[in-house]
Structure formats: C-alpha cells, structure tokens
C-alpha atoms as a PDB file:
ATOM      1  CA  UNK A   1     137.441  97.775 137.801  1.00  0.00           C
ATOM      2  CA  UNK A   2     140.137 100.897 139.028  1.00  0.00           C
ATOM      3  CA  UNK A   3     142.462 100.106 135.744  1.00  0.00           C
ATOM      4  CA  UNK A   4     139.791 100.025 133.899  1.00  0.00           C
ATOM      5  CA  UNK A   5     138.623 103.324 134.720  1.00  0.00           C
ATOM      6  CA  UNK A   6     141.713 105.073 134.736  1.00  0.00           C
ATOM      7  CA  UNK A   7     141.936 103.793 131.469  1.00  0.00           C
ATOM      8  CA  UNK A   8     138.742 105.528 130.365  1.00  0.00           C
ATOM      9  CA  UNK A   9     139.907 108.656 132.120  1.00  0.00           C
ATOM     10  CA  UNK A  10     143.593 108.796 130.259  1.00  0.00           C
ATOM     11  CA  UNK A  11     141.517 107.679 127.134  1.00  0.00           C
ATOM     12  CA  UNK A  12     139.031 110.820 127.501  1.00  0.00           C
ATOM     13  CA  UNK A  13     141.513 113.469 128.079  1.00  0.00           C
ATOM     14  CA  UNK A  14     143.762 111.700 124.989  1.00  0.00           C
ATOM     15  CA  UNK A  15     140.765 112.463 122.845  1.00  0.00           C
ATOM     16  CA  UNK A  16     139.821 115.774 124.502  1.00  0.00           C
ATOM     17  CA  UNK A  17     143.418 116.982 123.418  1.00  0.00           C
ATOM     18  CA  UNK A  18     142.807 116.025 119.644  1.00  0.00           C
ATOM     19  CA  UNK A  19     139.317 117.616 119.082  1.00  0.00           C
ATOM     20  CA  UNK A  20     139.729 117.710 115.682  1.00  0.00           C
ATOM     21  CA  UNK A  21     140.812 113.966 114.998  1.00  0.00           C
ATOM     22  CA  UNK A  22     138.049 112.933 117.158  1.00  0.00           C
ATOM     23  CA  UNK A  23     135.374 114.882 115.073  1.00  0.00           C
ATOM     24  CA  UNK A  24     136.276 113.556 111.910  1.00  0.00           C
ATOM     25  CA  UNK A  25     136.338 110.013 112.884  1.00  0.00           C
ATOM     26  CA  UNK A  26     133.414 110.567 114.734  1.00  0.00           C
ATOM     27  CA  UNK A  27     131.356 112.121 111.632  1.00  0.00           C
ATOM     28  CA  UNK A  28     133.058 109.300 109.493  1.00  0.00           C
ATOM     29  CA  UNK A  29     132.135 106.078 111.217  1.00  0.00           C
ATOM     30  CA  UNK A  30     128.524 107.651 111.879  1.00  0.00           C
ATOM     31  CA  UNK A  31     127.741 107.810 108.275  1.00  0.00           C
ATOM     32  CA  UNK A  32     128.706 104.325 107.910  1.00  0.00           C
ATOM     33  CA  UNK A  33     127.243 103.074 110.693  1.00  0.00           C
ATOM     34  CA  UNK A  34     123.995 104.940 110.585  1.00  0.00           C
ATOM     35  CA  UNK A  35     123.356 103.914 106.902  1.00  0.00           C
ATOM     36  CA  UNK A  36     123.945 100.460 107.878  1.00  0.00           C
ATOM     37  CA  UNK A  37     121.698 100.882 111.017  1.00  0.00           C
ATOM     38  CA  UNK A  38     119.100 101.777 108.729  1.00  0.00           C
ATOM     39  CA  UNK A  39     119.265  99.103 106.414  1.00  0.00           C
ATOM     40  CA  UNK A  40     119.260  96.599 109.091  1.00  0.00           C
ATOM     41  CA  UNK A  41     116.071  98.278 110.263  1.00  0.00           C
ATOM     42  CA  UNK A  42     114.424  97.468 106.909  1.00  0.00           C
ATOM     43  CA  UNK A  43     115.974  94.094 106.660  1.00  0.00           C
ATOM     44  CA  UNK A  44     114.739  92.989 110.387  1.00  0.00           C
ATOM     45  CA  UNK A  45     111.297  94.172 109.673  1.00  0.00           C
ATOM     46  CA  UNK A  46     111.173  92.432 106.277  1.00  0.00           C
ATOM     47  CA  UNK A  47     113.227  89.434 106.709  1.00  0.00           C
ATOM     48  CA  UNK A  48     113.523  88.182 110.149  1.00  0.00           C
ATOM     49  CA  UNK A  49     110.752  89.314 111.978  1.00  0.00           C
ATOM     50  CA  UNK A  50     107.816  87.037 111.161  1.00  0.00           C
ATOM     51  CA  UNK A  51     104.609  88.288 109.843  1.00  0.00           C
ATOM     52  CA  UNK A  52     102.111  90.589 111.830  1.00  0.00           C
ATOM     53  CA  UNK A  53      99.618  87.981 112.092  1.00  0.00           C
ATOM     54  CA  UNK A  54      98.513  85.869 114.674  1.00  0.00           C
ATOM     55  CA  UNK A  55     100.371  82.712 114.886  1.00  0.00           C
ATOM     56  CA  UNK A  56     102.263  83.318 111.970  1.00  0.00           C
ATOM     57  CA  UNK A  57     104.651  80.581 111.928  1.00  0.00           C
ATOM     58  CA  UNK A  58     101.750  77.896 110.946  1.00  0.00           C
ATOM     59  CA  UNK A  59     100.581  80.555 108.153  1.00  0.00           C
ATOM     60  CA  UNK A  60     101.180  78.856 104.826  1.00  0.00           C
ATOM     61  CA  UNK A  61     100.653  79.777 100.549  1.00  0.00           C
ATOM     62  CA  UNK A  62      99.773  77.070  98.773  1.00  0.00           C
ATOM     63  CA  UNK A  63     100.383  77.199  94.564  1.00  0.00           C
ATOM     64  CA  UNK A  64      99.706  75.534  91.508  1.00  0.00           C
ATOM     65  CA  UNK A  65     103.328  73.921  90.475  1.00  0.00           C
ATOM     66  CA  UNK A  66     103.659  73.866  86.729  1.00  0.00           C
ATOM     67  CA  UNK A  67     106.237  70.573  86.425  1.00  0.00           C
ATOM     68  CA  UNK A  68     106.373  71.208  82.749  1.00  0.00           C
ATOM     69  CA  UNK A  69     107.501  74.634  82.684  1.00  0.00           C
ATOM     70  CA  UNK A  70     109.221  74.558  86.000  1.00  0.00           C
ATOM     71  CA  UNK A  71     106.581  77.134  87.403  1.00  0.00           C
ATOM     72  CA  UNK A  72     106.148  76.957  91.041  1.00  0.00           C
ATOM     73  CA  UNK A  73     104.148  79.650  92.134  1.00  0.00           C
ATOM     74  CA  UNK A  74     101.159  79.588  89.802  1.00  0.00           C
ATOM     75  CA  UNK A  75      97.698  80.396  90.863  1.00  0.00           C
ATOM     76  CA  UNK A  76      94.809  77.859  91.043  1.00  0.00           C
ATOM     77  CA  UNK A  77      91.698  77.545  89.727  1.00  0.00           C
ATOM     78  CA  UNK A  78      88.046  77.090  92.156  1.00  0.00           C
ATOM     79  CA  UNK A  79      87.821  73.704  91.671  1.00  0.00           C
ATOM     80  CA  UNK A  80      91.211  73.098  92.563  1.00  0.00           C
ATOM     81  CA  UNK A  81      90.918  75.263  95.578  1.00  0.00           C
ATOM     82  CA  UNK A  82      87.819  73.266  96.534  1.00  0.00           C
ATOM     83  CA  UNK A  83      89.124  70.143  96.269  1.00  0.00           C
ATOM     84  CA  UNK A  84      92.709  71.131  98.081  1.00  0.00           C
ATOM     85  CA  UNK A  85      90.447  72.128 101.061  1.00  0.00           C
ATOM     86  CA  UNK A  86      88.578  68.724 101.321  1.00  0.00           C
ATOM     87  CA  UNK A  87      91.835  66.867 100.241  1.00  0.00           C
ATOM     88  CA  UNK A  88      93.990  68.189 103.327  1.00  0.00           C
ATOM     89  CA  UNK A  89      93.981  67.365 107.100  1.00  0.00           C
ATOM     90  CA  UNK A  90      96.831  68.899 107.948  1.00  0.00           C
ATOM     91  CA  UNK A  91      95.664  72.309 106.995  1.00  0.00           C
ATOM     92  CA  UNK A  92      93.402  73.776 109.289  1.00  0.00           C
ATOM     93  CA  UNK A  93      91.022  76.112 106.955  1.00  0.00           C
ATOM     94  CA  UNK A  94      92.094  77.134 103.149  1.00  0.00           C
ATOM     95  CA  UNK A  95      91.032  81.031 101.931  1.00  0.00           C
ATOM     96  CA  UNK A  96      91.645  82.054  98.376  1.00  0.00           C
ATOM     97  CA  UNK A  97      92.174  85.853  97.015  1.00  0.00           C
ATOM     98  CA  UNK A  98      92.134  87.377  93.617  1.00  0.00           C
ATOM     99  CA  UNK A  99      94.186  90.351  92.732  1.00  0.00           C
ATOM    100  CA  UNK A 100      92.052  93.166  92.071  1.00  0.00           C
ATOM    101  CA  UNK A 101      92.608  96.815  91.031  1.00  0.00           C
ATOM    102  CA  UNK A 102      89.430  98.894  91.493  1.00  0.00           C
ATOM    103  CA  UNK A 103      89.508 102.750  90.411  1.00  0.00           C
ATOM    104  CA  UNK A 104      88.296 105.258  92.606  1.00  0.00           C
ATOM    105  CA  UNK A 105      86.309 107.862  90.853  1.00  0.00           C
ATOM    106  CA  UNK A 106      84.433 111.153  92.186  1.00  0.00           C
ATOM    107  CA  UNK A 107      86.145 114.265  93.497  1.00  0.00           C
ATOM    108  CA  UNK A 108      89.543 114.636  91.896  1.00  0.00           C
ATOM    109  CA  UNK A 109      91.182 112.706  89.548  1.00  0.00           C
ATOM    110  CA  UNK A 110      90.558 108.645  88.983  1.00  0.00           C
ATOM    111  CA  UNK A 111      93.041 106.467  91.364  1.00  0.00           C
ATOM    112  CA  UNK A 112      93.920 102.885  90.921  1.00  0.00           C
ATOM    113  CA  UNK A 113      93.631 101.199  94.424  1.00  0.00           C
ATOM    114  CA  UNK A 114      95.666  97.384  95.302  1.00  0.00           C
ATOM    115  CA  UNK A 115      92.833  95.271  96.107  1.00  0.00           C
ATOM    116  CA  UNK A 116      92.224  91.687  96.842  1.00  0.00           C
ATOM    117  CA  UNK A 117      88.672  89.750  96.042  1.00  0.00           C
ATOM    118  CA  UNK A 118      88.935  87.318  99.150  1.00  0.00           C
ATOM    119  CA  UNK A 119      87.170  84.432 100.312  1.00  0.00           C
ATOM    120  CA  UNK A 120      85.159  85.231 103.835  1.00  0.00           C
ATOM    121  CA  UNK A 121      87.367  83.292 105.893  1.00  0.00           C
ATOM    122  CA  UNK A 122      90.686  85.377 104.860  1.00  0.00           C
ATOM    123  CA  UNK A 123      90.665  88.023 107.808  1.00  0.00           C
ATOM    124  CA  UNK A 124      90.125  85.195 110.318  1.00  0.00           C
ATOM    125  CA  UNK A 125      92.843  83.010 109.077  1.00  0.00           C
ATOM    126  CA  UNK A 126      95.229  85.812 109.365  1.00  0.00           C
ATOM    127  CA  UNK A 127      93.576  86.561 112.953  1.00  0.00           C
ATOM    128  CA  UNK A 128      93.514  90.475 112.046  1.00  0.00           C
ATOM    129  CA  UNK A 129      90.236  92.807 112.771  1.00  0.00           C
ATOM    130  CA  UNK A 130      89.879  96.221 110.737  1.00  0.00           C
ATOM    131  CA  UNK A 131      90.748  99.324 112.798  1.00  0.00           C
ATOM    132  CA  UNK A 132      87.175 100.993 111.864  1.00  0.00           C
ATOM    133  CA  UNK A 133      84.057  98.975 111.076  1.00  0.00           C
ATOM    134  CA  UNK A 134      83.852  95.377 110.501  1.00  0.00           C
ATOM    135  CA  UNK A 135      85.144  92.605 107.947  1.00  0.00           C
ATOM    136  CA  UNK A 136      83.030  89.762 106.770  1.00  0.00           C
ATOM    137  CA  UNK A 137      82.814  86.776 108.020  1.00  0.00           C
ATOM    138  CA  UNK A 138      80.385  84.312 105.980  1.00  0.00           C
ATOM    139  CA  UNK A 139      79.588  84.250 102.683  1.00  0.00           C
ATOM    140  CA  UNK A 140      75.835  85.668 103.656  1.00  0.00           C
ATOM    141  CA  UNK A 141      77.628  88.501 104.264  1.00  0.00           C
ATOM    142  CA  UNK A 142      77.755  91.818 102.348  1.00  0.00           C
ATOM    143  CA  UNK A 143      80.317  92.508 100.163  1.00  0.00           C
ATOM    144  CA  UNK A 144      79.706  89.247  98.221  1.00  0.00           C
ATOM    145  CA  UNK A 145      82.860  87.802  96.233  1.00  0.00           C
ATOM    146  CA  UNK A 146      82.833  86.185  93.054  1.00  0.00           C
ATOM    147  CA  UNK A 147      85.623  83.537  92.893  1.00  0.00           C
ATOM    148  CA  UNK A 148      87.691  83.422  89.194  1.00  0.00           C
ATOM    149  CA  UNK A 149      90.608  81.671  87.708  1.00  0.00           C
ATOM    150  CA  UNK A 150      93.879  83.025  88.911  1.00  0.00           C
ATOM    151  CA  UNK A 151      93.383  82.111  92.831  1.00  0.00           C
ATOM    152  CA  UNK A 152      96.009  82.582  95.410  1.00  0.00           C
ATOM    153  CA  UNK A 153      95.595  79.814  98.323  1.00  0.00           C
ATOM    154  CA  UNK A 154      96.223  80.837 101.872  1.00  0.00           C
ATOM    155  CA  UNK A 155      96.138  78.240 104.727  1.00  0.00           C
ATOM    156  CA  UNK A 156      96.426  77.731 108.471  1.00  0.00           C
ATOM    157  CA  UNK A 157      98.394  74.511 109.462  1.00  0.00           C
ATOM    158  CA  UNK A 158      96.453  72.776 112.483  1.00  0.00           C
ATOM    159  CA  UNK A 159      98.076  72.698 115.847  1.00  0.00           C
ATOM    160  CA  UNK A 160     100.852  69.821 115.593  1.00  0.00           C
ATOM    161  CA  UNK A 161     100.908  70.012 111.411  1.00  0.00           C
ATOM    162  CA  UNK A 162     103.980  70.189 109.606  1.00  0.00           C
ATOM    163  CA  UNK A 163     104.422  72.124 106.263  1.00  0.00           C
ATOM    164  CA  UNK A 164     105.724  68.108 105.182  1.00  0.00           C
ATOM    165  CA  UNK A 165     102.395  66.749 105.659  1.00  0.00           C
ATOM    166  CA  UNK A 166     100.345  69.068 104.242  1.00  0.00           C
ATOM    167  CA  UNK A 167     103.095  68.647 100.863  1.00  0.00           C
ATOM    168  CA  UNK A 168     101.887  65.234 100.993  1.00  0.00           C
ATOM    169  CA  UNK A 169      98.131  65.622 101.331  1.00  0.00           C
ATOM    170  CA  UNK A 170      97.898  68.231  99.353  1.00  0.00           C
ATOM    171  CA  UNK A 171     100.613  66.363  96.621  1.00  0.00           C
ATOM    172  CA  UNK A 172      97.938  63.346  96.681  1.00  0.00           C
ATOM    173  CA  UNK A 173      95.044  65.435  95.882  1.00  0.00           C
ATOM    174  CA  UNK A 174      97.274  66.981  92.436  1.00  0.00           C
ATOM    175  CA  UNK A 175      98.388  63.727  91.234  1.00  0.00           C
ATOM    176  CA  UNK A 176      94.307  62.416  91.710  1.00  0.00           C
ATOM    177  CA  UNK A 177      93.133  65.597  89.708  1.00  0.00           C
ATOM    178  CA  UNK A 178      95.228  64.990  87.025  1.00  0.00           C
ATOM    179  CA  UNK A 179      94.263  61.540  86.502  1.00  0.00           C
ATOM    180  CA  UNK A 180      90.548  62.944  86.909  1.00  0.00           C
ATOM    181  CA  UNK A 181      91.065  65.983  84.550  1.00  0.00           C
ATOM    182  CA  UNK A 182      93.986  65.587  82.364  1.00  0.00           C
ATOM    183  CA  UNK A 183      93.134  68.108  79.994  1.00  0.00           C
ATOM    184  CA  UNK A 184      93.315  70.676  82.555  1.00  0.00           C
ATOM    185  CA  UNK A 185      95.138  69.650  85.585  1.00  0.00           C
ATOM    186  CA  UNK A 186      98.246  67.604  83.224  1.00  0.00           C
ATOM    187  CA  UNK A 187     101.622  68.098  84.912  1.00  0.00           C
ATOM    188  CA  UNK A 188     100.090  70.506  87.742  1.00  0.00           C
ATOM    189  CA  UNK A 189     101.226  69.504  91.641  1.00  0.00           C
ATOM    190  CA  UNK A 190     100.988  71.475  94.305  1.00  0.00           C
ATOM    191  CA  UNK A 191     103.823  73.814  95.734  1.00  0.00           C
ATOM    192  CA  UNK A 192     102.882  74.423  99.504  1.00  0.00           C
ATOM    193  CA  UNK A 193     105.052  77.265 101.219  1.00  0.00           C
ATOM    194  CA  UNK A 194     105.578  79.148 104.371  1.00  0.00           C
ATOM    195  CA  UNK A 195     103.605  82.462 103.869  1.00  0.00           C
ATOM    196  CA  UNK A 196     106.430  84.717 104.839  1.00  0.00           C
ATOM    197  CA  UNK A 197     108.478  82.906 101.898  1.00  0.00           C
ATOM    198  CA  UNK A 198     106.638  84.199  98.801  1.00  0.00           C
ATOM    199  CA  UNK A 199     105.954  87.431 100.750  1.00  0.00           C
ATOM    200  CA  UNK A 200     109.596  88.151 101.165  1.00  0.00           C
ATOM    201  CA  UNK A 201     111.057  86.546  98.392  1.00  0.00           C
ATOM    202  CA  UNK A 202     111.210  89.206  95.459  1.00  0.00           C
ATOM    203  CA  UNK A 203     113.042  92.005  97.887  1.00  0.00           C
ATOM    204  CA  UNK A 204     115.160  89.356  99.588  1.00  0.00           C
ATOM    205  CA  UNK A 205     117.918  89.651  96.802  1.00  0.00           C
ATOM    206  CA  UNK A 206     117.818  93.742  96.307  1.00  0.00           C
ATOM    207  CA  UNK A 207     117.806  94.222 100.396  1.00  0.00           C
ATOM    208  CA  UNK A 208     120.739  91.523 101.029  1.00  0.00           C
ATOM    209  CA  UNK A 209     122.196  93.536  97.923  1.00  0.00           C
ATOM    210  CA  UNK A 210     121.975  96.991  99.455  1.00  0.00           C
ATOM    211  CA  UNK A 211     122.770  95.642 102.992  1.00  0.00           C
ATOM    212  CA  UNK A 212     126.640  94.251 101.527  1.00  0.00           C
ATOM    213  CA  UNK A 213     126.959  97.873  99.929  1.00  0.00           C
ATOM    214  CA  UNK A 214     126.244  99.935 102.819  1.00  0.00           C
ATOM    215  CA  UNK A 215     128.565  97.264 104.707  1.00  0.00           C
ATOM    216  CA  UNK A 216     131.347  97.800 102.246  1.00  0.00           C
ATOM    217  CA  UNK A 217     130.907 101.699 103.041  1.00  0.00           C
ATOM    218  CA  UNK A 218     131.295 101.010 106.715  1.00  0.00           C
ATOM    219  CA  UNK A 219     134.774  99.210 105.244  1.00  0.00           C
ATOM    220  CA  UNK A 220     135.847 102.215 103.640  1.00  0.00           C
ATOM    221  CA  UNK A 221     134.820 104.417 106.805  1.00  0.00           C
ATOM    222  CA  UNK A 222     136.868 101.993 108.677  1.00  0.00           C
ATOM    223  CA  UNK A 223     139.704 102.185 106.619  1.00  0.00           C
ATOM    224  CA  UNK A 224     139.416 105.594 106.457  1.00  0.00           C
ATOM    225  CA  UNK A 225     139.897 106.209 110.330  1.00  0.00           C
ATOM    226  CA  UNK A 226     142.158 103.789 110.772  1.00  0.00           C
ATOM    227  CA  UNK A 227     144.812 105.929 108.370  1.00  0.00           C
ATOM    228  CA  UNK A 228     143.593 108.859 110.605  1.00  0.00           C
ATOM    229  CA  UNK A 229     144.593 106.817 113.723  1.00  0.00           C
ATOM    230  CA  UNK A 230     147.731 105.571 112.470  1.00  0.00           C
ATOM    231  CA  UNK A 231     149.001 109.160 111.373  1.00  0.00           C
ATOM    232  CA  UNK A 232     147.726 110.324 114.541  1.00  0.00           C
ATOM    233  CA  UNK A 233     150.526 107.863 116.670  1.00  0.00           C
ATOM    234  CA  UNK A 234     152.908 108.439 114.823  1.00  0.00           C
ATOM    235  CA  UNK A 235     153.175 112.451 116.181  1.00  0.00           C
ATOM    236  CA  UNK A 236     152.510 110.327 119.564  1.00  0.00           C
ATOM    237  CA  UNK A 237     155.885 108.574 118.805  1.00  0.00           C
ATOM    238  CA  UNK A 238     157.832 110.291 121.874  1.00  0.00           C
ATOM    239  CA  UNK A 239     154.569 110.026 124.076  1.00  0.00           C
ATOM    240  CA  UNK A 240     154.259 106.199 123.705  1.00  0.00           C
ATOM    241  CA  UNK A 241     158.442 105.899 123.864  1.00  0.00           C
ATOM    242  CA  UNK A 242     158.226 107.443 127.190  1.00  0.00           C
ATOM    243  CA  UNK A 243     155.696 105.433 128.718  1.00  0.00           C
ATOM    244  CA  UNK A 244     157.209 101.917 127.542  1.00  0.00           C
ATOM    245  CA  UNK A 245     160.501 103.667 129.011  1.00  0.00           C
ATOM    246  CA  UNK A 246     158.723 104.561 132.524  1.00  0.00           C
ATOM    247  CA  UNK A 247     157.806 100.819 132.291  1.00  0.00           C
ATOM    248  CA  UNK A 248     154.691 100.468 130.693  1.00  0.00           C
ATOM    249  CA  UNK A 249     154.229  96.890 129.579  1.00  0.00           C
ATOM    250  CA  UNK A 250     153.097  96.282 125.667  1.00  0.00           C
ATOM    251  CA  UNK A 251     149.574  94.939 127.186  1.00  0.00           C
ATOM    252  CA  UNK A 252     149.234  98.274 129.298  1.00  0.00           C
ATOM    253  CA  UNK A 253     149.771 100.451 125.862  1.00  0.00           C
ATOM    254  CA  UNK A 254     147.589  98.013 123.788  1.00  0.00           C
ATOM    255  CA  UNK A 255     144.760  98.686 126.522  1.00  0.00           C
ATOM    256  CA  UNK A 256     145.496 102.527 127.082  1.00  0.00           C
ATOM    257  CA  UNK A 257     144.499 102.960 122.679  1.00  0.00           C
ATOM    258  CA  UNK A 258     141.207 100.123 123.276  1.00  0.00           C
ATOM    259  CA  UNK A 259     140.287 102.824 125.819  1.00  0.00           C
ATOM    260  CA  UNK A 260     140.166 105.511 123.740  1.00  0.00           C
ATOM    261  CA  UNK A 261     138.458 103.125 121.173  1.00  0.00           C
ATOM    262  CA  UNK A 262     135.607 102.947 123.878  1.00  0.00           C
ATOM    263  CA  UNK A 263     135.782 106.375 124.411  1.00  0.00           C
ATOM    264  CA  UNK A 264     135.322 107.212 120.651  1.00  0.00           C
ATOM    265  CA  UNK A 265     132.420 104.407 120.824  1.00  0.00           C
ATOM    266  CA  UNK A 266     130.802 106.409 123.009  1.00  0.00           C
ATOM    267  CA  UNK A 267     130.771 109.778 121.372  1.00  0.00           C
ATOM    268  CA  UNK A 268     129.446 108.237 118.504  1.00  0.00           C
ATOM    269  CA  UNK A 269     126.783 106.772 120.366  1.00  0.00           C
ATOM    270  CA  UNK A 270     125.963 110.458 121.524  1.00  0.00           C
ATOM    271  CA  UNK A 271     126.680 111.992 118.189  1.00  0.00           C
ATOM    272  CA  UNK A 272     123.530 114.095 116.292  1.00  0.00           C
ATOM    273  CA  UNK A 273     124.704 112.496 113.141  1.00  0.00           C
ATOM    274  CA  UNK A 274     124.068 109.101 114.218  1.00  0.00           C
ATOM    275  CA  UNK A 275     120.787 110.201 115.815  1.00  0.00           C
ATOM    276  CA  UNK A 276     119.524 111.656 113.101  1.00  0.00           C
ATOM    277  CA  UNK A 277     119.869 108.790 110.916  1.00  0.00           C
ATOM    278  CA  UNK A 278     118.173 106.806 113.367  1.00  0.00           C
ATOM    279  CA  UNK A 279     115.617 108.919 113.977  1.00  0.00           C
ATOM    280  CA  UNK A 280     112.957 106.477 112.464  1.00  0.00           C
ATOM    281  CA  UNK A 281     114.237 103.543 114.760  1.00  0.00           C
ATOM    282  CA  UNK A 282     111.110 102.608 116.868  1.00  0.00           C
ATOM    283  CA  UNK A 283     112.255 102.472 120.997  1.00  0.00           C
ATOM    284  CA  UNK A 284     111.216  99.269 121.455  1.00  0.00           C
ATOM    285  CA  UNK A 285     112.924  97.872 118.278  1.00  0.00           C
ATOM    286  CA  UNK A 286     115.639  95.733 120.558  1.00  0.00           C
ATOM    287  CA  UNK A 287     117.306  94.015 118.001  1.00  0.00           C
ATOM    288  CA  UNK A 288     118.924  96.853 116.256  1.00  0.00           C
ATOM    289  CA  UNK A 289     119.328  99.114 118.956  1.00  0.00           C
ATOM    290  CA  UNK A 290     121.795  95.866 120.227  1.00  0.00           C
ATOM    291  CA  UNK A 291     122.748  95.598 116.909  1.00  0.00           C
ATOM    292  CA  UNK A 292     124.018  99.432 116.314  1.00  0.00           C
ATOM    293  CA  UNK A 293     125.526  98.989 120.181  1.00  0.00           C
ATOM    294  CA  UNK A 294     127.669  96.035 119.525  1.00  0.00           C
ATOM    295  CA  UNK A 295     128.581  97.397 115.567  1.00  0.00           C
ATOM    296  CA  UNK A 296     129.860 101.224 117.701  1.00  0.00           C
ATOM    297  CA  UNK A 297     131.547  98.923 119.687  1.00  0.00           C
ATOM    298  CA  UNK A 298     133.032  96.919 117.474  1.00  0.00           C
ATOM    299  CA  UNK A 299     133.935  99.222 114.705  1.00  0.00           C
ATOM    300  CA  UNK A 300     135.885 101.418 117.357  1.00  0.00           C
ATOM    301  CA  UNK A 301     137.904  98.828 118.182  1.00  0.00           C
ATOM    302  CA  UNK A 302     138.785  97.342 114.668  1.00  0.00           C
ATOM    303  CA  UNK A 303     139.532 101.070 113.767  1.00  0.00           C
ATOM    304  CA  UNK A 304     142.168 101.491 116.967  1.00  0.00           C
ATOM    305  CA  UNK A 305     143.312  97.834 116.836  1.00  0.00           C
ATOM    306  CA  UNK A 306     146.146  98.606 114.148  1.00  0.00           C
ATOM    307  CA  UNK A 307     147.704 101.913 116.093  1.00  0.00           C
ATOM    308  CA  UNK A 308     147.633  99.971 118.902  1.00  0.00           C
ATOM    309  CA  UNK A 309     149.498  97.346 117.733  1.00  0.00           C
ATOM    310  CA  UNK A 310     152.039  99.599 116.048  1.00  0.00           C
ATOM    311  CA  UNK A 311     152.154 101.405 119.434  1.00  0.00           C
ATOM    312  CA  UNK A 312     152.790  97.730 121.490  1.00  0.00           C
ATOM    313  CA  UNK A 313     155.790  97.302 119.052  1.00  0.00           C
ATOM    314  CA  UNK A 314     157.535 100.831 119.684  1.00  0.00           C
ATOM    315  CA  UNK A 315     161.110 100.285 120.976  1.00  0.00           C
ATOM    316  CA  UNK A 316     161.493 103.417 123.404  1.00  0.00           C
ATOM    317  CA  UNK A 317     164.961 104.117 122.550  1.00  0.00           C
ATOM    318  CA  UNK A 318     164.683 104.375 118.927  1.00  0.00           C
ATOM    319  CA  UNK A 319     161.548 106.417 119.342  1.00  0.00           C
ATOM    320  CA  UNK A 320     163.316 108.640 121.890  1.00  0.00           C
ATOM    321  CA  UNK A 321     166.207 109.108 119.492  1.00  0.00           C
ATOM    322  CA  UNK A 322     164.226 109.964 116.497  1.00  0.00           C
ATOM    323  CA  UNK A 323     162.480 112.403 118.357  1.00  0.00           C
END
C-alpha cells in the first residue's frame, strides 16, 4: 500500500509538471468517454432495463402471424381476441388496444395527439395509476371504448406460466379458428412475445449503430492520447534512463506509468467537460456511473500502456549516451 501511495504521489507530480499535456489528454478523453456515457444511458434505459410496469417480465404481446406473407406482428380482430382470451390458461388476462389520433381543437392551432382506444383492463394489466384523476376499470365506466379491427393485444402470464406454454395454447386456438373460419383465418397463426421486444425492436438497430459509432470515436481519442504520451515519453528518455541506472526494475517503471494513468483517470472524473456531458444522468443510475468509472480506468490505462511498455524496454546506457 505504501508503494502504491508513493507511486501515486510521483504520478501526480509528473502530471503537474506537464499541465498542457495533461489538459489536452483530459479534454480529448473526456469528450470520448462523455459521448459513450450519454449513449450508454439511453441504451441502458431503452434496451437493458425492464419496462416501467409492475412485474414487467410477465407482460407479453400477442399478434396475428400471417404465415403466407411471413408477417409476424399483425393486429387481430375482436372475434379472434375474444377466442384467444378463452383458449389460454397460461395468460392471466388479455387486453386490447387500437391506435387513435384525435385532434385537439379549441384555443390556438389544432394539434394531433397520439392515443389508444383500449379495453378497460389495460391499466390494471400494466399495474399503473394516473398522476391525476382516475382510470376506467369496467365496461360500465365512462368513457366507453368501442373495439374495432386492427387490435393490438397485450397480456400477463399467470405466476409460473411460461411464454412457450402461452404460445402453444394460442397456437391450438389459431388452428381451430383456421378450420372454423377459413375465409378470414386461413394461414393465420399467433405470435406471442415478451412485451419489451416489440417495444424496443424498432429502435434497437439505430441505438446499436450509434453506440458503435461513439465507441469508434473513443478509440480515435485513445489513439490520439497514446500518440501524445508516446511523444512525451521520448522527451522523458533521460529520466527513465536515470531511474533504470539507479536500480529501478522494469516492473517499477511500468507501475510508475500506470500510476500516472490513475491520476489521469481521476482528473478525467473531475473534469468539467465530463461533468457537463453527464449532467442529465440520474444520481440513482448506478449502472451508468459504474460503467463510466470502469471506462475511465480502462481508457486511461490503455492510453498509458504503450508508453509504459516502451519505457520498460529502454536501455539506460543507450538513453544516457543519446541524451
């Protein structure tokens, strides 16, 4: 521990002797890490976290699967929706919704609003309550909802039930309906998925491409900082040679460079550039802050790896002779 503290003190002095180099390295890496942290916040919220509903892992979405066209996420009809509800024991309940775009008029310009016409059980199924007022719980409540064709169907698995069981049960219903109603249900199966999948599937490719792009930006930043530290290492050849001549081992020289990388990581963490880019991150988002901490340490160590390796291979006699 005493050696580590001594290395950190020497690393701090080494960074302080070259404030310009440290400032350029900190700003460059802070921009790269901050951009990655910002994108990771979005990826974490959209792709990694469960949906913000009660027992979200039990929520599913059911679609009409047109086997002739290969379309797996088609809406269904009210009649099929009712049959699905009767034929599945794995699902605690089913509810339906239909996209709706009402136009708000009155004062100012008319505005189109995104909305759903939904079964009364929708809010109970999701386990959510309104911030103000109340929701409707039964068909007798106002406002009444008229179901139409093109329904989106959501359900909740019973405790202990599996997605595979729900698929199997609804598959039996779909085959029966195909026999009973060939004019409307020919080639129509049922596709049951975890609710999160259809919710995030459209944005997942774009988010992953964006995450890959900012990761490449971070690699470029690491390469630039590594080049900067290598150039700085060349100017410190005499210092390294003297340390080696006085008996410093290669591992000791590498530790010194890594200590400087830790100081650099600490400077990154305290930089205003990085703080500004993380301004919108919630203080309770521990996963993002843990990822940023690991990224800070890894990037700083990576940027200092090649200079440390080169310093460990310096021949003190040759370096002193050249200087």
